[in-house]
């Protein structure tokens, strides 16, 4: 998938996101919306940003979420959404 309308954004989530399956739920949610990329520890882009800021996994507590380097891209850099360790 290449072309018009592709966006990229870096994000960092702060709060209770360890041990509550936050990364797993982020990967599942990304897949539902055909998003690709990766998450380490811790977009339809605007509603996904809201999901990251307000929802997360069922047991997480999100204190804040920062988005940086949002930009238009010409081609995808990833083929799926993965969890890195």
PDB file of N, CA and C in Angstrom:
ATOM      1  N   UNK A   1       0.854  -1.181   0.000  1.00  0.00           N
ATOM      2  CA  UNK A   1       0.000   0.000   0.000  1.00  0.00           C
ATOM      3  C   UNK A   1       0.893   1.234   0.000  1.00  0.00           C
ATOM      4  N   UNK A   2       0.763   2.023  -1.012  1.00  0.00           N
ATOM      5  CA  UNK A   2       1.563   3.236  -1.090  1.00  0.00           C
ATOM      6  C   UNK A   2       0.693   4.360  -1.598  1.00  0.00           C
ATOM      7  N   UNK A   3       1.126   5.593  -1.332  1.00  0.00           N
ATOM      8  CA  UNK A   3       0.419   6.703  -1.934  1.00  0.00           C
ATOM      9  C   UNK A   3      -0.164   7.688  -0.970  1.00  0.00           C
ATOM     10  N   UNK A   4      -1.209   8.311  -1.438  1.00  0.00           N
ATOM     11  CA  UNK A   4      -1.863   9.444  -0.789  1.00  0.00           C
ATOM     12  C   UNK A   4      -2.480   9.082   0.567  1.00  0.00           C
ATOM     13  N   UNK A   5      -2.312   9.979   1.523  1.00  0.00           N
ATOM     14  CA  UNK A   5      -3.008   9.838   2.794  1.00  0.00           C
ATOM     15  C   UNK A   5      -2.325   8.993   3.847  1.00  0.00           C
ATOM     16  N   UNK A   6      -1.134   8.495   3.606  1.00  0.00           N
ATOM     17  CA  UNK A   6      -0.439   7.715   4.624  1.00  0.00           C
ATOM     18  C   UNK A   6       0.176   8.659   5.646  1.00  0.00           C
ATOM     19  N   UNK A   7      -0.014   8.339   6.927  1.00  0.00           N
ATOM     20  CA  UNK A   7       0.510   9.171   8.010  1.00  0.00           C
ATOM     21  C   UNK A   7       1.347   8.303   8.937  1.00  0.00           C
ATOM     22  N   UNK A   8       2.321   8.921   9.555  1.00  0.00           N
ATOM     23  CA  UNK A   8       3.170   8.257  10.528  1.00  0.00           C
ATOM     24  C   UNK A   8       3.236   9.130  11.774  1.00  0.00           C
ATOM     25  N   UNK A   9       3.257   8.487  12.944  1.00  0.00           N
ATOM     26  CA  UNK A   9       3.363   9.231  14.198  1.00  0.00           C
ATOM     27  C   UNK A   9       4.076   8.355  15.229  1.00  0.00           C
ATOM     28  N   UNK A  10       4.916   8.956  16.040  1.00  0.00           N
ATOM     29  CA  UNK A  10       5.542   8.290  17.176  1.00  0.00           C
ATOM     30  C   UNK A  10       4.704   8.627  18.403  1.00  0.00           C
ATOM     31  N   UNK A  11       4.542   7.653  19.303  1.00  0.00           N
ATOM     32  CA  UNK A  11       3.776   7.943  20.515  1.00  0.00           C
ATOM     33  C   UNK A  11       4.430   7.302  21.720  1.00  0.00           C
ATOM     34  N   UNK A  12       4.192   7.908  22.877  1.00  0.00           N
ATOM     35  CA  UNK A  12       4.672   7.381  24.149  1.00  0.00           C
ATOM     36  C   UNK A  12       3.547   7.530  25.154  1.00  0.00           C
ATOM     37  N   UNK A  13       3.227   6.432  25.827  1.00  0.00           N
ATOM     38  CA  UNK A  13       2.115   6.409  26.771  1.00  0.00           C
ATOM     39  C   UNK A  13       2.673   6.289  28.183  1.00  0.00           C
ATOM     40  N   UNK A  14       2.150   7.101  29.096  1.00  0.00           N
ATOM     41  CA  UNK A  14       2.586   7.110  30.486  1.00  0.00           C
ATOM     42  C   UNK A  14       1.422   6.710  31.379  1.00  0.00           C
ATOM     43  N   UNK A  15       1.706   5.960  32.432  1.00  0.00           N
ATOM     44  CA  UNK A  15       0.674   5.536  33.370  1.00  0.00           C
ATOM     45  C   UNK A  15       0.898   4.083  33.734  1.00  0.00           C
ATOM     46  N   UNK A  16      -0.170   3.388  34.077  1.00  0.00           N
ATOM     47  CA  UNK A  16      -0.075   1.963  34.392  1.00  0.00           C
ATOM     48  C   UNK A  16      -0.277   1.189  33.095  1.00  0.00           C
ATOM     49  N   UNK A  17       0.833   0.889  32.419  1.00  0.00           N
ATOM     50  CA  UNK A  17       0.751   0.162  31.157  1.00  0.00           C
ATOM     51  C   UNK A  17       1.608  -1.100  31.182  1.00  0.00           C
ATOM     52  N   UNK A  18       2.263  -1.382  32.292  1.00  0.00           N
ATOM     53  CA  UNK A  18       3.054  -2.598  32.455  1.00  0.00           C
ATOM     54  C   UNK A  18       2.205  -3.661  33.143  1.00  0.00           C
ATOM     55  N   UNK A  19       2.247  -4.885  32.640  1.00  0.00           N
ATOM     56  CA  UNK A  19       1.550  -5.995  33.286  1.00  0.00           C
ATOM     57  C   UNK A  19       0.043  -5.967  33.125  1.00  0.00           C
ATOM     58  N   UNK A  20      -0.463  -5.174  32.195  1.00  0.00           N
ATOM     59  CA  UNK A  20      -1.925  -5.099  31.983  1.00  0.00           C
ATOM     60  C   UNK A  20      -2.279  -5.375  30.518  1.00  0.00           C
ATOM     61  N   UNK A  21      -1.353  -5.997  29.781  1.00  0.00           N
ATOM     62  CA  UNK A  21      -1.555  -6.376  28.378  1.00  0.00           C
ATOM     63  C   UNK A  21      -1.788  -5.175  27.466  1.00  0.00           C
ATOM     64  N   UNK A  22      -1.196  -4.037  27.814  1.00  0.00           N
ATOM     65  CA  UNK A  22      -1.383  -2.831  27.015  1.00  0.00           C
ATOM     66  C   UNK A  22      -0.864  -3.003  25.591  1.00  0.00           C
ATOM     67  N   UNK A  23       0.350  -3.551  25.443  1.00  0.00           N
ATOM     68  CA  UNK A  23       0.921  -3.741  24.111  1.00  0.00           C
ATOM     69  C   UNK A  23       0.088  -4.708  23.286  1.00  0.00           C
ATOM     70  N   UNK A  24      -0.369  -5.787  23.919  1.00  0.00           N
ATOM     71  CA  UNK A  24      -1.205  -6.767  23.212  1.00  0.00           C
ATOM     72  C   UNK A  24      -2.481  -6.109  22.711  1.00  0.00           C
ATOM     73  N   UNK A  25      -3.149  -5.350  23.557  1.00  0.00           N
ATOM     74  CA  UNK A  25      -4.393  -4.685  23.152  1.00  0.00           C
ATOM     75  C   UNK A  25      -4.128  -3.620  22.091  1.00  0.00           C
ATOM     76  N   UNK A  26      -2.976  -2.961  22.169  1.00  0.00           N
ATOM     77  CA  UNK A  26      -2.616  -1.983  21.146  1.00  0.00           C
ATOM     78  C   UNK A  26      -2.433  -2.676  19.802  1.00  0.00           C
ATOM     79  N   UNK A  27      -1.755  -3.835  19.793  1.00  0.00           N
ATOM     80  CA  UNK A  27      -1.554  -4.590  18.551  1.00  0.00           C
ATOM     81  C   UNK A  27      -2.887  -5.065  17.980  1.00  0.00           C
ATOM     82  N   UNK A  28      -3.764  -5.579  18.827  1.00  0.00           N
ATOM     83  CA  UNK A  28      -5.084  -6.044  18.378  1.00  0.00           C
ATOM     84  C   UNK A  28      -5.879  -4.882  17.795  1.00  0.00           C
ATOM     85  N   UNK A  29      -5.884  -3.753  18.498  1.00  0.00           N
ATOM     86  CA  UNK A  29      -6.621  -2.584  18.029  1.00  0.00           C
ATOM     87  C   UNK A  29      -6.050  -2.052  16.726  1.00  0.00           C
ATOM     88  N   UNK A  30      -4.729  -2.045  16.600  1.00  0.00           N
ATOM     89  CA  UNK A  30      -4.093  -1.599  15.357  1.00  0.00           C
ATOM     90  C   UNK A  30      -4.510  -2.497  14.199  1.00  0.00           C
ATOM     91  N   UNK A  31      -4.550  -3.801  14.426  1.00  0.00           N
ATOM     92  CA  UNK A  31      -4.953  -4.736  13.384  1.00  0.00           C
ATOM     93  C   UNK A  31      -6.374  -4.519  12.914  1.00  0.00           C
ATOM     94  N   UNK A  32      -7.263  -4.194  13.826  1.00  0.00           N
ATOM     95  CA  UNK A  32      -8.667  -3.933  13.474  1.00  0.00           C
ATOM     96  C   UNK A  32      -8.798  -2.735  12.548  1.00  0.00           C
ATOM     97  N   UNK A  33      -7.824  -1.847  12.588  1.00  0.00           N
ATOM     98  CA  UNK A  33      -7.898  -0.611  11.807  1.00  0.00           C
ATOM     99  C   UNK A  33      -6.813  -0.529  10.732  1.00  0.00           C
ATOM    100  N   UNK A  34      -6.236  -1.695  10.404  1.00  0.00           N
ATOM    101  CA  UNK A  34      -5.223  -1.798   9.340  1.00  0.00           C
ATOM    102  C   UNK A  34      -4.029  -0.875   9.552  1.00  0.00           C
ATOM    103  N   UNK A  35      -3.640  -0.689  10.799  1.00  0.00           N
ATOM    104  CA  UNK A  35      -2.455   0.107  11.100  1.00  0.00           C
ATOM    105  C   UNK A  35      -1.242  -0.802  11.133  1.00  0.00           C
ATOM    106  N   UNK A  36      -0.089  -0.289  10.762  1.00  0.00           N
ATOM    107  CA  UNK A  36       1.141  -1.055  10.794  1.00  0.00           C
ATOM    108  C   UNK A  36       2.185  -0.284  11.574  1.00  0.00           C
ATOM    109  N   UNK A  37       3.180  -0.977  12.074  1.00  0.00           N
ATOM    110  CA  UNK A  37       4.243  -0.350  12.839  1.00  0.00           C
ATOM    111  C   UNK A  37       4.673  -1.261  13.964  1.00  0.00           C
ATOM    112  N   UNK A  38       5.024  -0.678  15.084  1.00  0.00           N
ATOM    113  CA  UNK A  38       5.454  -1.475  16.222  1.00  0.00           C
ATOM    114  C   UNK A  38       5.240  -0.699  17.511  1.00  0.00           C
ATOM    115  N   UNK A  39       5.210  -1.430  18.617  1.00  0.00           N
ATOM    116  CA  UNK A  39       5.210  -0.788  19.928  1.00  0.00           C
ATOM    117  C   UNK A  39       6.212  -1.512  20.792  1.00  0.00           C
ATOM    118  N   UNK A  40       6.872  -0.768  21.617  1.00  0.00           N
ATOM    119  CA  UNK A  40       7.839  -1.331  22.545  1.00  0.00           C
ATOM    120  C   UNK A  40       7.100  -1.400  23.873  1.00  0.00           C
ATOM    121  N   UNK A  41       7.599  -0.751  24.893  1.00  0.00           N
ATOM    122  CA  UNK A  41       6.871  -0.720  26.142  1.00  0.00           C
ATOM    123  C   UNK A  41       5.985   0.520  26.035  1.00  0.00           C
ATOM    124  N   UNK A  42       5.201   0.251  26.278  1.00  0.00           N
ATOM    125  CA  UNK A  42       4.429   1.415  26.340  1.00  0.00           C
ATOM    126  C   UNK A  42       4.038   1.463  27.771  1.00  0.00           C
ATOM    127  N   UNK A  43      -3.914   4.390  13.339  1.00  0.00           N
ATOM    128  CA  UNK A  43      -4.304   5.633  13.741  1.00  0.00           C
ATOM    129  C   UNK A  43      -5.175   5.954  12.617  1.00  0.00           C
ATOM    130  N   UNK A  44      -8.070   6.682   9.807  1.00  0.00           N
ATOM    131  CA  UNK A  44      -8.340   6.459  11.237  1.00  0.00           C
ATOM    132  C   UNK A  44      -7.330   6.894  12.292  1.00  0.00           C
ATOM    133  N   UNK A  45      -6.320   7.636  12.033  1.00  0.00           N
ATOM    134  CA  UNK A  45      -5.268   8.052  12.934  1.00  0.00           C
ATOM    135  C   UNK A  45      -5.804   8.834  14.129  1.00  0.00           C
ATOM    136  N   UNK A  46      -6.737   9.758  13.939  1.00  0.00           N
ATOM    137  CA  UNK A  46      -7.211  10.585  15.045  1.00  0.00           C
ATOM    138  C   UNK A  46      -7.983   9.770  16.073  1.00  0.00           C
ATOM    139  N   UNK A  47      -8.805   8.817  15.654  1.00  0.00           N
ATOM    140  CA  UNK A  47      -9.542   7.995  16.617  1.00  0.00           C
ATOM    141  C   UNK A  47      -8.599   7.027  17.314  1.00  0.00           C
ATOM    142  N   UNK A  48      -7.524   6.582  16.651  1.00  0.00           N
ATOM    143  CA  UNK A  48      -6.552   5.690  17.289  1.00  0.00           C
ATOM    144  C   UNK A  48      -5.741   6.469  18.309  1.00  0.00           C
ATOM    145  N   UNK A  49      -5.447   7.716  18.039  1.00  0.00           N
ATOM    146  CA  UNK A  49      -4.755   8.536  19.023  1.00  0.00           C
ATOM    147  C   UNK A  49      -5.630   8.689  20.263  1.00  0.00           C
ATOM    148  N   UNK A  50      -6.917   8.876  20.076  1.00  0.00           N
ATOM    149  CA  UNK A  50      -7.839   8.983  21.206  1.00  0.00           C
ATOM    150  C   UNK A  50      -7.855   7.666  21.984  1.00  0.00           C
ATOM    151  N   UNK A  51      -7.860   6.519  21.277  1.00  0.00           N
ATOM    152  CA  UNK A  51      -7.837   5.212  21.941  1.00  0.00           C
ATOM    153  C   UNK A  51      -6.593   5.083  22.805  1.00  0.00           C
ATOM    154  N   UNK A  52      -5.435   5.494  22.269  1.00  0.00           N
ATOM    155  CA  UNK A  52      -4.197   5.422  23.036  1.00  0.00           C
ATOM    156  C   UNK A  52      -4.224   6.342  24.250  1.00  0.00           C
ATOM    157  N   UNK A  53      -4.821   7.517  24.118  1.00  0.00           N
ATOM    158  CA  UNK A  53      -4.860   8.494  25.217  1.00  0.00           C
ATOM    159  C   UNK A  53      -5.900   8.147  26.272  1.00  0.00           C
ATOM    160  N   UNK A  54      -7.027   7.533  25.874  1.00  0.00           N
ATOM    161  CA  UNK A  54      -8.152   7.397  26.791  1.00  0.00           C
ATOM    162  C   UNK A  54      -8.551   5.977  27.148  1.00  0.00           C
ATOM    163  N   UNK A  55      -8.222   4.993  26.325  1.00  0.00           N
ATOM    164  CA  UNK A  55      -8.742   3.642  26.531  1.00  0.00           C
ATOM    165  C   UNK A  55      -7.649   2.657  26.908  1.00  0.00           C
ATOM    166  N   UNK A  56      -6.828   2.249  25.946  1.00  0.00           N
ATOM    167  CA  UNK A  56      -5.776   1.266  26.207  1.00  0.00           C
ATOM    168  C   UNK A  56      -6.366  -0.092  26.527  1.00  0.00           C
ATOM    169  N   UNK A  57      -5.644  -0.880  27.316  1.00  0.00           N
ATOM    170  CA  UNK A  57      -6.160  -2.196  27.707  1.00  0.00           C
ATOM    171  C   UNK A  57      -7.128  -2.021  28.874  1.00  0.00           C
ATOM    172  N   UNK A  58      -7.965  -3.031  29.110  1.00  0.00           N
ATOM    173  CA  UNK A  58      -8.991  -2.888  30.167  1.00  0.00           C
ATOM    174  C   UNK A  58      -8.454  -2.531  31.545  1.00  0.00           C
ATOM    175  N   UNK A  59      -7.267  -2.996  31.907  1.00  0.00           N
ATOM    176  CA  UNK A  59      -6.751  -2.737  33.258  1.00  0.00           C
ATOM    177  C   UNK A  59      -5.699  -1.640  33.306  1.00  0.00           C
ATOM    178  N   UNK A  60      -5.457  -0.977  32.179  1.00  0.00           N
ATOM    179  CA  UNK A  60      -4.439   0.081  32.183  1.00  0.00           C
ATOM    180  C   UNK A  60      -4.994   1.372  32.773  1.00  0.00           C
ATOM    181  N   UNK A  61      -4.089   2.247  33.187  1.00  0.00           N
ATOM    182  CA  UNK A  61      -4.442   3.590  33.622  1.00  0.00           C
ATOM    183  C   UNK A  61      -3.513   4.536  32.861  1.00  0.00           C
ATOM    184  N   UNK A  62      -4.050   5.320  31.981  1.00  0.00           N
ATOM    185  CA  UNK A  62      -3.242   6.194  31.150  1.00  0.00           C
ATOM    186  C   UNK A  62      -3.223   7.584  31.764  1.00  0.00           C
ATOM    187  N   UNK A  63      -2.043   8.017  32.189  1.00  0.00           N
ATOM    188  CA  UNK A  63      -1.892   9.353  32.763  1.00  0.00           C
ATOM    189  C   UNK A  63      -1.725  10.406  31.677  1.00  0.00           C
ATOM    190  N   UNK A  64      -0.935  10.078  30.660  1.00  0.00           N
ATOM    191  CA  UNK A  64      -0.793  10.980  29.524  1.00  0.00           C
ATOM    192  C   UNK A  64      -0.202  10.215  28.348  1.00  0.00           C
ATOM    193  N   UNK A  65      -0.372  10.772  27.178  1.00  0.00           N
ATOM    194  CA  UNK A  65       0.151  10.177  25.957  1.00  0.00           C
ATOM    195  C   UNK A  65       0.712  11.298  25.104  1.00  0.00           C
ATOM    196  N   UNK A  66       1.941  11.137  24.652  1.00  0.00           N
ATOM    197  CA  UNK A  66       2.582  12.166  23.841  1.00  0.00           C
ATOM    198  C   UNK A  66       2.756  11.657  22.416  1.00  0.00           C
ATOM    199  N   UNK A  67       2.441  12.503  21.448  1.00  0.00           N
ATOM    200  CA  UNK A  67       2.607  12.186  20.038  1.00  0.00           C
ATOM    201  C   UNK A  67       3.645  13.124  19.453  1.00  0.00           C
ATOM    202  N   UNK A  68       4.583  12.566  18.686  1.00  0.00           N
ATOM    203  CA  UNK A  68       5.666  13.356  18.111  1.00  0.00           C
ATOM    204  C   UNK A  68       5.902  12.916  16.677  1.00  0.00           C
ATOM    205  N   UNK A  69       6.547  13.784  15.919  1.00  0.00           N
ATOM    206  CA  UNK A  69       6.995  13.457  14.565  1.00  0.00           C
ATOM    207  C   UNK A  69       5.866  13.011  13.637  1.00  0.00           C
ATOM    208  N   UNK A  70       4.674  13.577  13.799  1.00  0.00           N
ATOM    209  CA  UNK A  70       3.586  13.215  12.894  1.00  0.00           C
ATOM    210  C   UNK A  70       3.885  13.789  11.517  1.00  0.00           C
ATOM    211  N   UNK A  71       3.781  12.928  10.506  1.00  0.00           N
ATOM    212  CA  UNK A  71       4.140  13.356   9.162  1.00  0.00           C
ATOM    213  C   UNK A  71       3.434  12.515   8.108  1.00  0.00           C
ATOM    214  N   UNK A  72       3.370  13.040   6.906  1.00  0.00           N
ATOM    215  CA  UNK A  72       2.858  12.304   5.759  1.00  0.00           C
ATOM    216  C   UNK A  72       4.004  11.479   5.190  1.00  0.00           C
ATOM    217  N   UNK A  73       3.726  10.221   4.836  1.00  0.00           N
ATOM    218  CA  UNK A  73       4.737   9.359   4.235  1.00  0.00           C
ATOM    219  C   UNK A  73       4.252   8.881   2.875  1.00  0.00           C
ATOM    220  N   UNK A  74       5.167   8.468   2.018  1.00  0.00           N
ATOM    221  CA  UNK A  74       4.805   8.047   0.663  1.00  0.00           C
ATOM    222  C   UNK A  74       4.653   6.540   0.532  1.00  0.00           C
ATOM    223  N   UNK A  75       5.231   5.774   1.476  1.00  0.00           N
ATOM    224  CA  UNK A  75       5.074   4.321   1.433  1.00  0.00           C
ATOM    225  C   UNK A  75       5.155   3.770   2.847  1.00  0.00           C
ATOM    226  N   UNK A  76       4.580   2.592   3.050  1.00  0.00           N
ATOM    227  CA  UNK A  76       4.614   1.960   4.359  1.00  0.00           C
ATOM    228  C   UNK A  76       6.015   1.454   4.664  1.00  0.00           C
ATOM    229  N   UNK A  77       6.413   1.589   5.924  1.00  0.00           N
ATOM    230  CA  UNK A  77       7.703   1.084   6.364  1.00  0.00           C
ATOM    231  C   UNK A  77       7.573  -0.279   7.029  1.00  0.00           C
ATOM    232  N   UNK A  78       6.349  -0.696   7.355  1.00  0.00           N
ATOM    233  CA  UNK A  78       6.080  -1.963   8.030  1.00  0.00           C
ATOM    234  C   UNK A  78       4.966  -2.685   7.301  1.00  0.00           C
ATOM    235  N   UNK A  79       4.870  -4.012   7.520  1.00  0.00           N
ATOM    236  CA  UNK A  79       3.802  -4.787   6.891  1.00  0.00           C
ATOM    237  C   UNK A  79       2.713  -5.181   7.878  1.00  0.00           C
ATOM    238  N   UNK A  80       2.989  -5.040   9.174  1.00  0.00           N
ATOM    239  CA  UNK A  80       1.993  -5.347  10.217  1.00  0.00           C
ATOM    240  C   UNK A  80       2.342  -4.561  11.466  1.00  0.00           C
ATOM    241  N   UNK A  81       1.625  -4.819  12.562  1.00  0.00           N
ATOM    242  CA  UNK A  81       1.881  -4.147  13.832  1.00  0.00           C
ATOM    243  C   UNK A  81       2.421  -5.183  14.797  1.00  0.00           C
ATOM    244  N   UNK A  82       3.619  -4.973  15.321  1.00  0.00           N
ATOM    245  CA  UNK A  82       4.268  -5.966  16.164  1.00  0.00           C
ATOM    246  C   UNK A  82       4.615  -5.398  17.526  1.00  0.00           C
ATOM    247  N   UNK A  83       4.942  -6.300  18.437  1.00  0.00           N
ATOM    248  CA  UNK A  83       5.408  -5.929  19.767  1.00  0.00           C
ATOM    249  C   UNK A  83       6.886  -6.244  19.831  1.00  0.00           C
ATOM    250  N   UNK A  84       7.698  -5.283  20.236  1.00  0.00           N
ATOM    251  CA  UNK A  84       9.135  -5.493  20.387  1.00  0.00           C
ATOM    252  C   UNK A  84       9.479  -5.605  21.859  1.00  0.00           C
ATOM    253  N   UNK A  85      10.475  -6.410  22.158  1.00  0.00           N
ATOM    254  CA  UNK A  85      10.893  -6.599  23.549  1.00  0.00           C
ATOM    255  C   UNK A  85      12.270  -6.068  23.767  1.00  0.00           C
TER     256      UNK A  85
END
